[in-house]
């Protein structure tokens, strides 16, 4: 059974930091592109950051220089370090996996990030 379990969300003040984690199971993590998406109220879900199975990252323009995606294949975990958070970063953040071979796609249930003073 495939599972993506996010953690690390919460309430933070503008300018603060959070680190999200996503623990994966049920598929070969090493062979998957891992991504973080977010969805704010009334907005479409958007891709925030992605990292390939060969460890190449890419980012939404508005988070470049503030967010860092990384993966630990030994722990089947992908991380999103978020610094200099602002109110516009408030959203539910979802972990996403796309297997390189099968092209199967998996989603986590999401974790809420709220940036507020």
Protein backbone atom coordinates (compact mmCIF):
# COMPACT_ATOMS: atom_id res chain seq x y z
CA UNK A 1 0.00 0.00 0.00
CA UNK A 2 1.43 3.35 -1.07
CA UNK A 3 1.54 6.07 1.53
CA UNK A 4 2.89 9.61 1.56
CA UNK A 5 2.69 11.12 5.02
CA UNK A 6 3.45 14.80 5.43
CA UNK A 7 4.46 16.48 8.66
CA UNK A 8 5.94 19.74 9.85
CA UNK A 9 3.22 22.21 9.01
CA UNK A 10 1.93 24.78 11.45
CA UNK A 11 1.54 28.44 12.27
CA UNK A 12 4.52 30.74 11.80
CA UNK A 13 5.05 34.49 11.76
CA UNK A 14 6.12 36.31 8.59
CA UNK A 15 9.84 35.93 8.11
CA UNK A 16 9.88 32.62 9.94
CA UNK A 17 10.85 29.14 8.83
CA UNK A 18 9.35 25.67 8.69
CA UNK A 19 10.59 22.33 7.45
CA UNK A 20 8.12 19.94 5.92
CA UNK A 21 8.80 16.22 5.70
CA UNK A 22 7.16 13.53 3.61
CA UNK A 23 7.71 9.89 4.49
CA UNK A 24 7.03 7.55 1.58
CA UNK A 25 6.29 3.85 1.58
CA UNK A 26 4.92 1.21 -0.75
CA UNK A 27 6.99 2.03 -3.82
CA UNK A 28 10.63 2.34 -4.83
CA UNK A 29 11.41 5.81 -3.54
CA UNK A 30 14.81 5.98 -5.25
CA UNK A 31 13.10 5.76 -8.65
CA UNK A 32 10.57 8.53 -8.10
CA UNK A 33 10.48 12.23 -8.81
CA UNK A 34 9.28 13.84 -5.59
CA UNK A 35 7.48 17.15 -5.45
CA UNK A 36 5.70 19.55 -3.17
CA UNK A 37 2.52 21.26 -4.30
CA UNK A 38 0.39 23.76 -2.44
CA UNK A 39 -3.16 24.98 -2.61
CA UNK A 40 -4.37 28.20 -1.04
CA UNK A 41 -8.07 28.88 -0.41
CA UNK A 42 -9.83 29.78 -3.64
CA UNK A 43 -6.75 29.06 -5.76
CA UNK A 44 -5.59 26.20 -7.92
CA UNK A 45 -3.01 23.74 -6.73
CA UNK A 46 0.47 24.74 -7.85
CA UNK A 47 3.84 23.06 -8.04
CA UNK A 48 6.21 24.56 -5.49
CA UNK A 49 9.33 22.43 -5.79
CA UNK A 50 10.40 19.19 -7.38
CA UNK A 51 13.44 16.94 -7.19
CA UNK A 52 14.28 14.20 -9.64
CA UNK A 53 15.45 10.71 -8.79
CA UNK A 54 18.93 11.94 -9.76
CA UNK A 55 18.66 14.78 -7.21
CA UNK A 56 18.08 17.70 -9.57
CA UNK A 57 15.78 20.32 -8.01
CA UNK A 58 13.57 22.95 -9.53
CA UNK A 59 11.35 25.62 -7.99
CA UNK A 60 8.40 27.89 -8.48
CA UNK A 61 9.84 31.31 -9.27
CA UNK A 62 8.26 32.95 -6.23
CA UNK A 63 9.98 30.56 -3.79
CA UNK A 64 13.43 30.42 -5.39
CA UNK A 65 16.09 31.41 -2.90
CA UNK A 66 13.72 30.89 0.03
CA UNK A 67 12.72 27.21 -0.22
CA UNK A 68 14.97 24.18 -0.56
CA UNK A 69 13.82 20.71 -1.53
CA UNK A 70 15.97 17.72 -0.64
CA UNK A 71 15.62 13.98 -0.37
CA UNK A 72 17.07 11.21 1.78
CA UNK A 73 16.77 7.97 -0.12
CA UNK A 74 17.93 5.99 2.90
CA UNK A 75 14.97 7.29 4.86
CA UNK A 76 12.45 7.39 1.98
CA UNK A 77 11.84 11.00 2.88
CA UNK A 78 11.65 14.27 0.99
CA UNK A 79 11.95 17.61 2.74
CA UNK A 80 10.97 21.17 2.03
CA UNK A 81 12.89 23.76 4.01
CA UNK A 82 10.96 27.02 3.88
CA UNK A 83 12.64 30.25 4.98
CA UNK A 84 11.54 33.89 4.90
CA UNK A 85 7.92 32.83 4.83
CA UNK A 86 5.32 35.39 3.91
CA UNK A 87 1.54 35.52 4.09
CA UNK A 88 1.25 34.44 0.45
CA UNK A 89 2.86 31.11 1.35
CA UNK A 90 -0.19 30.17 3.44
CA UNK A 91 -1.66 27.00 1.94
CA UNK A 92 -2.09 23.28 2.33
CA UNK A 93 1.14 21.65 1.17
CA UNK A 94 0.95 18.27 -0.52
CA UNK A 95 3.62 15.70 -1.15
CA UNK A 96 3.57 14.15 -4.62
CA UNK A 97 5.44 11.26 -6.16
CA UNK A 98 5.76 10.18 -9.78
CA UNK A 99 7.49 6.89 -10.39
CA UNK A 100 10.06 7.09 -13.17
CA UNK A 101 9.32 3.62 -14.57
CA UNK A 102 5.59 3.02 -14.08
CA UNK A 103 4.58 6.71 -14.26
CA UNK A 104 2.24 6.05 -11.34
CA UNK A 105 1.39 9.16 -9.38
CA UNK A 106 0.73 9.36 -5.66
CA UNK A 107 -0.45 12.14 -3.35
CA UNK A 108 -0.25 12.75 0.35
CA UNK A 109 -3.15 14.17 2.36
CA UNK A 110 -1.48 17.51 2.93
CA UNK A 111 -0.25 19.60 5.82
CA UNK A 112 -1.44 23.11 6.62
CA UNK A 113 1.04 25.97 6.64
CA UNK A 114 -0.26 29.27 7.97
CA UNK A 115 1.84 32.41 7.93
CA UNK A 116 0.32 35.08 10.11
CA UNK A 117 1.28 37.72 12.61
